Amino acid sequence: MSSLILTYKHNFKKAPIVSLNGEPVLLFNQQQHTLLEVLETKKVNIFSECRNGFCGACKTKVNKGSVRYLTKPLIELKQDECLPCCCVPDTNLDLDLTTDEPSNLYVQHNKSVVFLD
């Protein structure tokens, strides 16, 4: 009995795992959607406005990994930042979603916001 060996010439790329603060949230296998859109389907809320990379409202810190932009952002980003509204993960990705409130911001228990001078 003879054996047949088949080889495939195309490399398969493993779908990136997206984590939030070290906790895996999703396997990103939808290249037609942005990172923001896919996170929203998992009920992860990231503040956003323009959804096209113009305003920078969704700017997020990247702890580990890299992204690929579907449209070039119009704002300047640091090496460890991304705009989820216009990118997809290129590798496994860990995002930091902790928020730093401005020092002049006081949030009351009834959810009203008071700015202190």
PDB file of N, CA and C in Angstrom:
ATOM      1  N   MET A   1       0.843  -1.165   0.000  1.00  0.00           N
ATOM      2  CA  MET A   1       0.000   0.000   0.000  1.00  0.00           C
ATOM      3  C   MET A   1       0.898   1.242   0.000  1.00  0.00           C
ATOM      4  N   SER A   2       0.676   2.139  -0.912  1.00  0.00           N
ATOM      5  CA  SER A   2       1.470   3.367  -0.981  1.00  0.00           C
ATOM      6  C   SER A   2       0.776   4.476  -0.194  1.00  0.00           C
ATOM      7  N   SER A   3       1.571   5.399   0.299  1.00  0.00           N
ATOM      8  CA  SER A   3       0.996   6.525   1.059  1.00  0.00           C
ATOM      9  C   SER A   3       1.114   7.803   0.238  1.00  0.00           C
ATOM     10  N   LEU A   4       0.191   8.678   0.451  1.00  0.00           N
ATOM     11  CA  LEU A   4       0.142   9.946  -0.266  1.00  0.00           C
ATOM     12  C   LEU A   4       0.306  11.071   0.748  1.00  0.00           C
ATOM     13  N   ILE A   5       1.250  11.954   0.502  1.00  0.00           N
ATOM     14  CA  ILE A   5       1.476  13.096   1.389  1.00  0.00           C
ATOM     15  C   ILE A   5       1.075  14.357   0.647  1.00  0.00           C
ATOM     16  N   LEU A   6       0.155  15.090   1.230  1.00  0.00           N
ATOM     17  CA  LEU A   6      -0.295  16.353   0.648  1.00  0.00           C
ATOM     18  C   LEU A   6       0.296  17.507   1.441  1.00  0.00           C
ATOM     19  N   THR A   7       0.741  18.505   0.742  1.00  0.00           N
ATOM     20  CA  THR A   7       1.230  19.707   1.417  1.00  0.00           C
ATOM     21  C   THR A   7       0.432  20.902   0.930  1.00  0.00           C
ATOM     22  N   TYR A   8       0.267  21.838   1.805  1.00  0.00           N
ATOM     23  CA  TYR A   8      -0.483  23.051   1.483  1.00  0.00           C
ATOM     24  C   TYR A   8       0.489  24.210   1.517  1.00  0.00           C
ATOM     25  N   LYS A   9       0.516  25.011   0.479  1.00  0.00           N
ATOM     26  CA  LYS A   9       1.537  26.050   0.349  1.00  0.00           C
ATOM     27  C   LYS A   9       1.216  27.340   1.096  1.00  0.00           C
ATOM     28  N   HIS A  10      -0.012  27.506   1.546  1.00  0.00           N
ATOM     29  CA  HIS A  10      -0.368  28.744   2.237  1.00  0.00           C
ATOM     30  C   HIS A  10      -0.211  28.573   3.742  1.00  0.00           C
ATOM     31  N   ASN A  11       0.311  29.602   4.371  1.00  0.00           N
ATOM     32  CA  ASN A  11       0.433  29.582   5.823  1.00  0.00           C
ATOM     33  C   ASN A  11      -0.879  30.014   6.453  1.00  0.00           C
ATOM     34  N   PHE A  12      -1.271  29.314   7.488  1.00  0.00           N
ATOM     35  CA  PHE A  12      -2.458  29.700   8.231  1.00  0.00           C
ATOM     36  C   PHE A  12      -2.035  30.600   9.376  1.00  0.00           C
ATOM     37  N   LYS A  13      -2.796  31.658   9.593  1.00  0.00           N
ATOM     38  CA  LYS A  13      -2.504  32.559  10.696  1.00  0.00           C
ATOM     39  C   LYS A  13      -3.505  32.290  11.808  1.00  0.00           C
ATOM     40  N   LYS A  14      -2.990  32.054  12.987  1.00  0.00           N
ATOM     41  CA  LYS A  14      -3.841  31.787  14.139  1.00  0.00           C
ATOM     42  C   LYS A  14      -4.614  33.049  14.507  1.00  0.00           C
ATOM     43  N   ALA A  15      -5.895  32.909  14.809  1.00  0.00           N
ATOM     44  CA  ALA A  15      -6.714  34.061  15.200  1.00  0.00           C
ATOM     45  C   ALA A  15      -6.209  34.609  16.531  1.00  0.00           C
ATOM     46  N   PRO A  16      -6.004  35.927  16.618  1.00  0.00           N
ATOM     47  CA  PRO A  16      -5.498  36.521  17.857  1.00  0.00           C
ATOM     48  C   PRO A  16      -6.501  36.421  19.008  1.00  0.00           C
ATOM     49  N   ILE A  17      -5.968  36.247  20.201  1.00  0.00           N
ATOM     50  CA  ILE A  17      -6.769  36.281  21.423  1.00  0.00           C
ATOM     51  C   ILE A  17      -6.698  37.697  21.965  1.00  0.00           C
ATOM     52  N   VAL A  18      -7.850  38.286  22.265  1.00  0.00           N
ATOM     53  CA  VAL A  18      -7.898  39.630  22.838  1.00  0.00           C
ATOM     54  C   VAL A  18      -8.203  39.494  24.323  1.00  0.00           C
ATOM     55  N   SER A  19      -7.338  40.093  25.145  1.00  0.00           N
ATOM     56  CA  SER A  19      -7.505  40.081  26.597  1.00  0.00           C
ATOM     57  C   SER A  19      -7.678  41.501  27.096  1.00  0.00           C
ATOM     58  N   LEU A  20      -8.379  41.635  28.205  1.00  0.00           N
ATOM     59  CA  LEU A  20      -8.552  42.925  28.864  1.00  0.00           C
ATOM     60  C   LEU A  20      -7.948  42.824  30.252  1.00  0.00           C
ATOM     61  N   ASN A  21      -6.913  43.605  30.490  1.00  0.00           N
ATOM     62  CA  ASN A  21      -6.202  43.588  31.766  1.00  0.00           C
ATOM     63  C   ASN A  21      -5.789  42.162  32.149  1.00  0.00           C
ATOM     64  N   GLY A  22      -5.312  41.400  31.165  1.00  0.00           N
ATOM     65  CA  GLY A  22      -4.804  40.058  31.411  1.00  0.00           C
ATOM     66  C   GLY A  22      -5.830  38.942  31.355  1.00  0.00           C
ATOM     67  N   GLU A  23      -7.111  39.263  31.237  1.00  0.00           N
ATOM     68  CA  GLU A  23      -8.172  38.256  31.186  1.00  0.00           C
ATOM     69  C   GLU A  23      -8.646  38.058  29.740  1.00  0.00           C
ATOM     70  N   PRO A  24      -8.513  36.848  29.176  1.00  0.00           N
ATOM     71  CA  PRO A  24      -8.978  36.611  27.801  1.00  0.00           C
ATOM     72  C   PRO A  24     -10.478  36.885  27.660  1.00  0.00           C
ATOM     73  N   VAL A  25     -10.844  37.595  26.585  1.00  0.00           N
ATOM     74  CA  VAL A  25     -12.237  37.972  26.359  1.00  0.00           C
ATOM     75  C   VAL A  25     -12.783  37.345  25.082  1.00  0.00           C
ATOM     76  N   LEU A  26     -11.962  37.310  24.029  1.00  0.00           N
ATOM     77  CA  LEU A  26     -12.478  36.790  22.764  1.00  0.00           C
ATOM     78  C   LEU A  26     -11.357  36.328  21.854  1.00  0.00           C
ATOM     79  N   LEU A  27     -11.746  35.479  20.918  1.00  0.00           N
ATOM     80  CA  LEU A  27     -10.869  35.038  19.837  1.00  0.00           C
ATOM     81  C   LEU A  27     -11.272  35.855  18.628  1.00  0.00           C
ATOM     82  N   PHE A  28     -10.373  36.703  18.143  1.00  0.00           N
ATOM     83  CA  PHE A  28     -10.713  37.637  17.067  1.00  0.00           C
ATOM     84  C   PHE A  28     -10.537  36.955  15.721  1.00  0.00           C
ATOM     85  N   ASN A  29     -11.650  36.582  15.102  1.00  0.00           N
ATOM     86  CA  ASN A  29     -11.574  35.934  13.790  1.00  0.00           C
ATOM     87  C   ASN A  29     -12.455  36.628  12.767  1.00  0.00           C
ATOM     88  N   GLN A  30     -12.821  37.869  13.037  1.00  0.00           N
ATOM     89  CA  GLN A  30     -13.694  38.618  12.132  1.00  0.00           C
ATOM     90  C   GLN A  30     -12.932  39.803  11.554  1.00  0.00           C
ATOM     91  N   GLN A  31     -12.233  39.584  10.480  1.00  0.00           N
ATOM     92  CA  GLN A  31     -11.396  40.630   9.906  1.00  0.00           C
ATOM     93  C   GLN A  31     -12.188  41.761   9.262  1.00  0.00           C
ATOM     94  N   GLN A  32     -13.482  41.599   9.056  1.00  0.00           N
ATOM     95  CA  GLN A  32     -14.263  42.658   8.431  1.00  0.00           C
ATOM     96  C   GLN A  32     -14.795  43.669   9.447  1.00  0.00           C
ATOM     97  N   HIS A  33     -14.625  43.403  10.738  1.00  0.00           N
ATOM     98  CA  HIS A  33     -15.098  44.312  11.774  1.00  0.00           C
ATOM     99  C   HIS A  33     -13.914  44.893  12.531  1.00  0.00           C
ATOM    100  N   THR A  34     -14.111  46.077  13.106  1.00  0.00           N
ATOM    101  CA  THR A  34     -13.052  46.689  13.902  1.00  0.00           C
ATOM    102  C   THR A  34     -13.011  46.045  15.284  1.00  0.00           C
ATOM    103  N   LEU A  35     -11.917  46.266  15.973  1.00  0.00           N
ATOM    104  CA  LEU A  35     -11.763  45.777  17.337  1.00  0.00           C
ATOM    105  C   LEU A  35     -12.876  46.327  18.226  1.00  0.00           C
ATOM    106  N   LEU A  36     -13.208  47.602  18.058  1.00  0.00           N
ATOM    107  CA  LEU A  36     -14.274  48.222  18.847  1.00  0.00           C
ATOM    108  C   LEU A  36     -15.607  47.510  18.627  1.00  0.00           C
ATOM    109  N   GLU A  37     -15.957  47.252  17.379  1.00  0.00           N
ATOM    110  CA  GLU A  37     -17.236  46.599  17.071  1.00  0.00           C
ATOM    111  C   GLU A  37     -17.319  45.203  17.683  1.00  0.00           C
ATOM    112  N   VAL A  38     -16.236  44.456  17.599  1.00  0.00           N
ATOM    113  CA  VAL A  38     -16.241  43.098  18.137  1.00  0.00           C
ATOM    114  C   VAL A  38     -16.290  43.124  19.664  1.00  0.00           C
ATOM    115  N   LEU A  39     -15.569  44.049  20.295  1.00  0.00           N
ATOM    116  CA  LEU A  39     -15.642  44.169  21.754  1.00  0.00           C
ATOM    117  C   LEU A  39     -17.050  44.540  22.198  1.00  0.00           C
ATOM    118  N   GLU A  40     -17.709  45.401  21.440  1.00  0.00           N
ATOM    119  CA  GLU A  40     -19.080  45.793  21.785  1.00  0.00           C
ATOM    120  C   GLU A  40     -20.041  44.602  21.719  1.00  0.00           C
ATOM    121  N   THR A  41     -19.812  43.668  20.797  1.00  0.00           N
ATOM    122  CA  THR A  41     -20.673  42.480  20.740  1.00  0.00           C
ATOM    123  C   THR A  41     -20.498  41.611  21.979  1.00  0.00           C
ATOM    124  N   LYS A  42     -19.353  41.751  22.651  1.00  0.00           N
ATOM    125  CA  LYS A  42     -19.084  41.020  23.895  1.00  0.00           C
ATOM    126  C   LYS A  42     -19.452  41.857  25.125  1.00  0.00           C
ATOM    127  N   LYS A  43     -20.178  42.959  24.898  1.00  0.00           N
ATOM    128  CA  LYS A  43     -20.657  43.847  25.972  1.00  0.00           C
ATOM    129  C   LYS A  43     -19.527  44.560  26.706  1.00  0.00           C
ATOM    130  N   VAL A  44     -18.409  44.792  25.999  1.00  0.00           N
ATOM    131  CA  VAL A  44     -17.311  45.582  26.545  1.00  0.00           C
ATOM    132  C   VAL A  44     -17.512  47.005  26.057  1.00  0.00           C
ATOM    133  N   ASN A  45     -17.689  47.931  26.989  1.00  0.00           N
ATOM    134  CA  ASN A  45     -17.949  49.324  26.626  1.00  0.00           C
ATOM    135  C   ASN A  45     -16.657  50.129  26.615  1.00  0.00           C
ATOM    136  N   ILE A  46     -16.359  50.696  25.477  1.00  0.00           N
ATOM    137  CA  ILE A  46     -15.238  51.623  25.326  1.00  0.00           C
ATOM    138  C   ILE A  46     -15.833  52.916  24.797  1.00  0.00           C
ATOM    139  N   PHE A  47     -15.548  54.016  25.460  1.00  0.00           N
ATOM    140  CA  PHE A  47     -16.082  55.299  25.012  1.00  0.00           C
ATOM    141  C   PHE A  47     -15.567  55.586  23.606  1.00  0.00           C
ATOM    142  N   SER A  48     -16.469  55.982  22.720  1.00  0.00           N
ATOM    143  CA  SER A  48     -16.081  56.324  21.351  1.00  0.00           C
ATOM    144  C   SER A  48     -17.022  57.390  20.824  1.00  0.00           C
ATOM    145  N   GLU A  49     -16.563  58.107  19.812  1.00  0.00           N
ATOM    146  CA  GLU A  49     -17.397  59.135  19.187  1.00  0.00           C
ATOM    147  C   GLU A  49     -17.431  58.970  17.673  1.00  0.00           C
ATOM    148  N   CYS A  50     -16.335  59.238  16.994  1.00  0.00           N
ATOM    149  CA  CYS A  50     -16.355  59.277  15.524  1.00  0.00           C
ATOM    150  C   CYS A  50     -16.378  57.892  14.879  1.00  0.00           C
ATOM    151  N   ARG A  51     -15.766  56.909  15.536  1.00  0.00           N
ATOM    152  CA  ARG A  51     -15.688  55.527  15.054  1.00  0.00           C
ATOM    153  C   ARG A  51     -14.897  55.390  13.745  1.00  0.00           C
ATOM    154  N   ASN A  52     -14.052  56.378  13.441  1.00  0.00           N
ATOM    155  CA  ASN A  52     -13.259  56.350  12.204  1.00  0.00           C
ATOM    156  C   ASN A  52     -11.796  56.731  12.395  1.00  0.00           C
ATOM    157  N   GLY A  53     -11.331  56.909  13.615  1.00  0.00           N
ATOM    158  CA  GLY A  53      -9.940  57.264  13.854  1.00  0.00           C
ATOM    159  C   GLY A  53      -9.639  58.739  13.762  1.00  0.00           C
ATOM    160  N   PHE A  54     -10.673  59.583  13.808  1.00  0.00           N
ATOM    161  CA  PHE A  54     -10.473  61.027  13.687  1.00  0.00           C
ATOM    162  C   PHE A  54     -10.292  61.718  15.033  1.00  0.00           C
ATOM    163  N   CYS A  55     -11.084  61.329  16.034  1.00  0.00           N
ATOM    164  CA  CYS A  55     -11.153  62.123  17.264  1.00  0.00           C
ATOM    165  C   CYS A  55     -10.252  61.629  18.391  1.00  0.00           C
ATOM    166  N   GLY A  56      -9.962  60.348  18.460  1.00  0.00           N
ATOM    167  CA  GLY A  56      -9.128  59.806  19.527  1.00  0.00           C
ATOM    168  C   GLY A  56      -9.870  59.491  20.811  1.00  0.00           C
ATOM    169  N   ALA A  57     -11.190  59.587  20.805  1.00  0.00           N
ATOM    170  CA  ALA A  57     -11.969  59.347  22.021  1.00  0.00           C
ATOM    171  C   ALA A  57     -11.798  57.923  22.545  1.00  0.00           C
ATOM    172  N   CYS A  58     -11.583  56.961  21.678  1.00  0.00           N
ATOM    173  CA  CYS A  58     -11.477  55.558  22.097  1.00  0.00           C
ATOM    174  C   CYS A  58     -10.031  55.128  22.356  1.00  0.00           C
ATOM    175  N   LYS A  59      -9.107  56.068  22.405  1.00  0.00           N
ATOM    176  CA  LYS A  59      -7.691  55.743  22.599  1.00  0.00           C
ATOM    177  C   LYS A  59      -7.528  54.806  23.794  1.00  0.00           C
ATOM    178  N   THR A  60      -6.838  53.696  23.573  1.00  0.00           N
ATOM    179  CA  THR A  60      -6.707  52.643  24.576  1.00  0.00           C
ATOM    180  C   THR A  60      -5.254  52.217  24.685  1.00  0.00           C
ATOM    181  N   LYS A  61      -4.815  51.952  25.917  1.00  0.00           N
ATOM    182  CA  LYS A  61      -3.437  51.512  26.148  1.00  0.00           C
ATOM    183  C   LYS A  61      -3.304  50.031  25.802  1.00  0.00           C
ATOM    184  N   VAL A  62      -2.234  49.700  25.096  1.00  0.00           N
ATOM    185  CA  VAL A  62      -1.925  48.314  24.740  1.00  0.00           C
ATOM    186  C   VAL A  62      -0.844  47.817  25.693  1.00  0.00           C
ATOM    187  N   ASN A  63      -1.173  46.814  26.509  1.00  0.00           N
ATOM    188  CA  ASN A  63      -0.188  46.222  27.416  1.00  0.00           C
ATOM    189  C   ASN A  63       0.762  45.299  26.667  1.00  0.00           C
ATOM    190  N   LYS A  64       0.208  44.570  25.697  1.00  0.00           N
ATOM    191  CA  LYS A  64       1.003  43.584  24.965  1.00  0.00           C
ATOM    192  C   LYS A  64       0.346  43.325  23.619  1.00  0.00           C
ATOM    193  N   GLY A  65       1.149  43.126  22.587  1.00  0.00           N
ATOM    194  CA  GLY A  65       0.629  42.799  21.268  1.00  0.00           C
ATOM    195  C   GLY A  65       0.681  43.969  20.309  1.00  0.00           C
ATOM    196  N   SER A  66       0.121  43.752  19.120  1.00  0.00           N
ATOM    197  CA  SER A  66       0.119  44.801  18.104  1.00  0.00           C
ATOM    198  C   SER A  66      -1.185  44.761  17.315  1.00  0.00           C
ATOM    199  N   VAL A  67      -1.478  45.884  16.661  1.00  0.00           N
ATOM    200  CA  VAL A  67      -2.697  46.014  15.867  1.00  0.00           C
ATOM    201  C   VAL A  67      -2.340  46.435  14.447  1.00  0.00           C
ATOM    202  N   ARG A  68      -3.297  46.247  13.551  1.00  0.00           N
ATOM    203  CA  ARG A  68      -3.176  46.702  12.166  1.00  0.00           C
ATOM    204  C   ARG A  68      -4.357  47.627  11.914  1.00  0.00           C
ATOM    205  N   TYR A  69      -4.076  48.781  11.325  1.00  0.00           N
ATOM    206  CA  TYR A  69      -5.131  49.776  11.100  1.00  0.00           C
ATOM    207  C   TYR A  69      -5.808  49.566   9.753  1.00  0.00           C
ATOM    208  N   LEU A  70      -7.142  49.599   9.776  1.00  0.00           N
ATOM    209  CA  LEU A  70      -7.937  49.508   8.549  1.00  0.00           C
ATOM    210  C   LEU A  70      -7.974  50.859   7.850  1.00  0.00           C
ATOM    211  N   THR A  71      -7.990  51.924   8.642  1.00  0.00           N
ATOM    212  CA  THR A  71      -7.845  53.293   8.144  1.00  0.00           C
ATOM    213  C   THR A  71      -6.816  53.980   9.026  1.00  0.00           C
ATOM    214  N   LYS A  72      -5.983  54.801   8.437  1.00  0.00           N
ATOM    215  CA  LYS A  72      -4.917  55.463   9.184  1.00  0.00           C
ATOM    216  C   LYS A  72      -5.510  56.490  10.152  1.00  0.00           C
ATOM    217  N   PRO A  73      -5.148  56.400  11.447  1.00  0.00           N
ATOM    218  CA  PRO A  73      -5.651  57.375  12.416  1.00  0.00           C
ATOM    219  C   PRO A  73      -5.135  58.775  12.102  1.00  0.00           C
ATOM    220  N   LEU A  74      -5.966  59.761  12.377  1.00  0.00           N
ATOM    221  CA  LEU A  74      -5.566  61.148  12.142  1.00  0.00           C
ATOM    222  C   LEU A  74      -4.971  61.801  13.376  1.00  0.00           C
ATOM    223  N   ILE A  75      -4.974  61.101  14.500  1.00  0.00           N
ATOM    224  CA  ILE A  75      -4.374  61.664  15.702  1.00  0.00           C
ATOM    225  C   ILE A  75      -3.060  60.950  15.991  1.00  0.00           C
ATOM    226  N   GLU A  76      -2.220  61.602  16.766  1.00  0.00           N
ATOM    227  CA  GLU A  76      -0.930  61.029  17.117  1.00  0.00           C
ATOM    228  C   GLU A  76      -1.101  60.073  18.287  1.00  0.00           C
ATOM    229  N   LEU A  77      -0.506  58.903  18.173  1.00  0.00           N
ATOM    230  CA  LEU A  77      -0.591  57.889  19.219  1.00  0.00           C
ATOM    231  C   LEU A  77       0.787  57.559  19.747  1.00  0.00           C
ATOM    232  N   LYS A  78       0.852  57.197  21.029  1.00  0.00           N
ATOM    233  CA  LYS A  78       2.093  56.692  21.602  1.00  0.00           C
ATOM    234  C   LYS A  78       2.295  55.260  21.122  1.00  0.00           C
ATOM    235  N   GLN A  79       3.488  54.746  21.314  1.00  0.00           N
ATOM    236  CA  GLN A  79       3.833  53.384  20.894  1.00  0.00           C
ATOM    237  C   GLN A  79       2.898  52.347  21.514  1.00  0.00           C
ATOM    238  N   ASP A  80       2.451  52.604  22.753  1.00  0.00           N
ATOM    239  CA  ASP A  80       1.621  51.626  23.466  1.00  0.00           C
ATOM    240  C   ASP A  80       0.137  51.989  23.471  1.00  0.00           C
ATOM    241  N   GLU A  81      -0.337  52.678  22.436  1.00  0.00           N
ATOM    242  CA  GLU A  81      -1.742  53.058  22.342  1.00  0.00           C
ATOM    243  C   GLU A  81      -2.323  52.604  21.004  1.00  0.00           C
ATOM    244  N   CYS A  82      -3.638  52.409  20.998  1.00  0.00           N
ATOM    245  CA  CYS A  82      -4.332  52.082  19.751  1.00  0.00           C
ATOM    246  C   CYS A  82      -5.702  52.737  19.751  1.00  0.00           C
ATOM    247  N   LEU A  83      -6.297  52.798  18.571  1.00  0.00           N
ATOM    248  CA  LEU A  83      -7.671  53.274  18.416  1.00  0.00           C
ATOM    249  C   LEU A  83      -8.517  52.077  17.988  1.00  0.00           C
ATOM    250  N   PRO A  84      -9.238  51.452  18.914  1.00  0.00           N
ATOM    251  CA  PRO A  84     -10.036  50.269  18.580  1.00  0.00           C
ATOM    252  C   PRO A  84     -11.072  50.505  17.488  1.00  0.00           C
ATOM    253  N   CYS A  85     -11.462  51.753  17.257  1.00  0.00           N
ATOM    254  CA  CYS A  85     -12.499  52.045  16.255  1.00  0.00           C
ATOM    255  C   CYS A  85     -12.031  51.817  14.826  1.00  0.00           C
ATOM    256  N   CYS A  86     -10.723  51.730  14.605  1.00  0.00           N
ATOM    257  CA  CYS A  86     -10.246  51.598  13.223  1.00  0.00           C
ATOM    258  C   CYS A  86      -9.111  50.587  13.076  1.00  0.00           C
ATOM    259  N   CYS A  87      -9.025  49.636  14.016  1.00  0.00           N
ATOM    260  CA  CYS A  87      -7.950  48.648  13.924  1.00  0.00           C
ATOM    261  C   CYS A  87      -8.467  47.244  14.204  1.00  0.00           C
ATOM    262  N   VAL A  88      -7.622  46.277  13.890  1.00  0.00           N
ATOM    263  CA  VAL A  88      -7.855  44.873  14.215  1.00  0.00           C
ATOM    264  C   VAL A  88      -6.568  44.341  14.846  1.00  0.00           C
ATOM    265  N   PRO A  89      -6.672  43.333  15.713  1.00  0.00           N
ATOM    266  CA  PRO A  89      -5.456  42.769  16.304  1.00  0.00           C
ATOM    267  C   PRO A  89      -4.606  42.069  15.248  1.00  0.00           C
ATOM    268  N   ASP A  90      -3.314  42.298  15.304  1.00  0.00           N
ATOM    269  CA  ASP A  90      -2.375  41.634  14.405  1.00  0.00           C
ATOM    270  C   ASP A  90      -1.758  40.414  15.092  1.00  0.00           C
ATOM    271  N   THR A  91      -1.660  40.485  16.412  1.00  0.00           N
ATOM    272  CA  THR A  91      -1.143  39.397  17.246  1.00  0.00           C
ATOM    273  C   THR A  91      -2.067  39.283  18.455  1.00  0.00           C
ATOM    274  N   ASN A  92      -1.780  38.329  19.344  1.00  0.00           N
ATOM    275  CA  ASN A  92      -2.514  38.304  20.605  1.00  0.00           C
ATOM    276  C   ASN A  92      -2.383  39.678  21.236  1.00  0.00           C
ATOM    277  N   LEU A  93      -3.454  40.154  21.841  1.00  0.00           N
ATOM    278  CA  LEU A  93      -3.518  41.544  22.275  1.00  0.00           C
ATOM    279  C   LEU A  93      -4.063  41.627  23.691  1.00  0.00           C
ATOM    280  N   ASP A  94      -3.390  42.399  24.542  1.00  0.00           N
ATOM    281  CA  ASP A  94      -3.885  42.667  25.894  1.00  0.00           C
ATOM    282  C   ASP A  94      -4.057  44.167  26.033  1.00  0.00           C
ATOM    283  N   LEU A  95      -5.287  44.602  26.292  1.00  0.00           N
ATOM    284  CA  LEU A  95      -5.613  46.022  26.421  1.00  0.00           C
ATOM    285  C   LEU A  95      -5.800  46.395  27.878  1.00  0.00           C
ATOM    286  N   ASP A  96      -5.432  47.618  28.223  1.00  0.00           N
ATOM    287  CA  ASP A  96      -5.634  48.158  29.566  1.00  0.00           C
ATOM    288  C   ASP A  96      -6.860  49.055  29.521  1.00  0.00           C
ATOM    289  N   LEU A  97      -7.947  48.625  30.145  1.00  0.00           N
ATOM    290  CA  LEU A  97      -9.176  49.412  30.131  1.00  0.00           C
ATOM    291  C   LEU A  97      -9.423  50.151  31.435  1.00  0.00           C
ATOM    292  N   THR A  98      -8.403  50.250  32.290  1.00  0.00           N
ATOM    293  CA  THR A  98      -8.578  51.051  33.496  1.00  0.00           C
ATOM    294  C   THR A  98      -8.643  52.509  33.089  1.00  0.00           C
ATOM    295  N   THR A  99      -9.458  53.277  33.783  1.00  0.00           N
ATOM    296  CA  THR A  99      -9.607  54.691  33.448  1.00  0.00           C
ATOM    297  C   THR A  99      -9.005  55.540  34.545  1.00  0.00           C
ATOM    298  N   ASP A 100      -8.352  56.586  34.145  1.00  0.00           N
ATOM    299  CA  ASP A 100      -7.818  57.562  35.081  1.00  0.00           C
ATOM    300  C   ASP A 100      -8.710  58.779  35.031  1.00  0.00           C
ATOM    301  N   GLU A 101      -9.390  59.057  36.130  1.00  0.00           N
ATOM    302  CA  GLU A 101     -10.248  60.231  36.170  1.00  0.00           C
ATOM    303  C   GLU A 101      -9.387  61.464  36.399  1.00  0.00           C
ATOM    304  N   PRO A 102      -9.729  62.581  35.784  1.00  0.00           N
ATOM    305  CA  PRO A 102      -8.990  63.810  36.029  1.00  0.00           C
ATOM    306  C   PRO A 102      -9.043  64.176  37.508  1.00  0.00           C
ATOM    307  N   SER A 103      -7.995  64.803  38.007  1.00  0.00           N
ATOM    308  CA  SER A 103      -7.939  65.151  39.428  1.00  0.00           C
ATOM    309  C   SER A 103      -8.993  66.173  39.816  1.00  0.00           C
ATOM    310  N   ASN A 104      -9.542  66.917  38.861  1.00  0.00           N
ATOM    311  CA  ASN A 104     -10.563  67.915  39.172  1.00  0.00           C
ATOM    312  C   ASN A 104     -11.979  67.362  39.003  1.00  0.00           C
ATOM    313  N   LEU A 105     -12.114  66.041  38.953  1.00  0.00           N
ATOM    314  CA  LEU A 105     -13.418  65.426  38.738  1.00  0.00           C
ATOM    315  C   LEU A 105     -13.852  64.695  40.000  1.00  0.00           C
ATOM    316  N   TYR A 106     -15.056  64.968  40.429  1.00  0.00           N
ATOM    317  CA  TYR A 106     -15.620  64.290  41.590  1.00  0.00           C
ATOM    318  C   TYR A 106     -16.935  63.663  41.174  1.00  0.00           C
ATOM    319  N   VAL A 107     -17.054  62.366  41.316  1.00  0.00           N
ATOM    320  CA  VAL A 107     -18.274  61.667  40.932  1.00  0.00           C
ATOM    321  C   VAL A 107     -19.036  61.316  42.200  1.00  0.00           C
ATOM    322  N   GLN A 108     -20.268  61.806  42.311  1.00  0.00           N
ATOM    323  CA  GLN A 108     -21.096  61.533  43.481  1.00  0.00           C
ATOM    324  C   GLN A 108     -21.812  60.205  43.301  1.00  0.00           C
ATOM    325  N   HIS A 109     -22.347  59.684  44.385  1.00  0.00           N
ATOM    326  CA  HIS A 109     -23.034  58.395  44.331  1.00  0.00           C
ATOM    327  C   HIS A 109     -24.278  58.417  43.457  1.00  0.00           C
ATOM    328  N   ASN A 110     -24.921  59.576  43.305  1.00  0.00           N
ATOM    329  CA  ASN A 110     -26.119  59.637  42.462  1.00  0.00           C
ATOM    330  C   ASN A 110     -25.765  59.846  40.993  1.00  0.00           C
ATOM    331  N   LYS A 111     -24.486  59.680  40.666  1.00  0.00           N
ATOM    332  CA  LYS A 111     -23.959  59.725  39.302  1.00  0.00           C
ATOM    333  C   LYS A 111     -23.936  61.119  38.683  1.00  0.00           C
ATOM    334  N   SER A 112     -24.144  62.158  39.476  1.00  0.00           N
ATOM    335  CA  SER A 112     -23.933  63.492  38.926  1.00  0.00           C
ATOM    336  C   SER A 112     -22.450  63.810  39.039  1.00  0.00           C
ATOM    337  N   VAL A 113     -21.975  64.661  38.167  1.00  0.00           N
ATOM    338  CA  VAL A 113     -20.553  64.975  38.104  1.00  0.00           C
ATOM    339  C   VAL A 113     -20.345  66.433  38.459  1.00  0.00           C
ATOM    340  N   VAL A 114     -19.385  66.683  39.343  1.00  0.00           N
ATOM    341  CA  VAL A 114     -19.073  68.039  39.772  1.00  0.00           C
ATOM    342  C   VAL A 114     -17.598  68.285  39.503  1.00  0.00           C
ATOM    343  N   PHE A 115     -17.272  69.375  38.805  1.00  0.00           N
ATOM    344  CA  PHE A 115     -15.884  69.756  38.593  1.00  0.00           C
ATOM    345  C   PHE A 115     -15.459  70.695  39.700  1.00  0.00           C
ATOM    346  N   LEU A 116     -14.341  70.391  40.339  1.00  0.00           N
ATOM    347  CA  LEU A 116     -13.824  71.206  41.426  1.00  0.00           C
ATOM    348  C   LEU A 116     -12.784  72.171  40.890  1.00  0.00           C
ATOM    349  N   ASP A 117     -12.799  73.400  41.378  1.00  0.00           N
ATOM    350  CA  ASP A 117     -11.796  74.385  40.953  1.00  0.00           C
ATOM    351  C   ASP A 117     -10.653  74.459  41.925  1.00  0.00           C
TER     352      ASP A 117
END
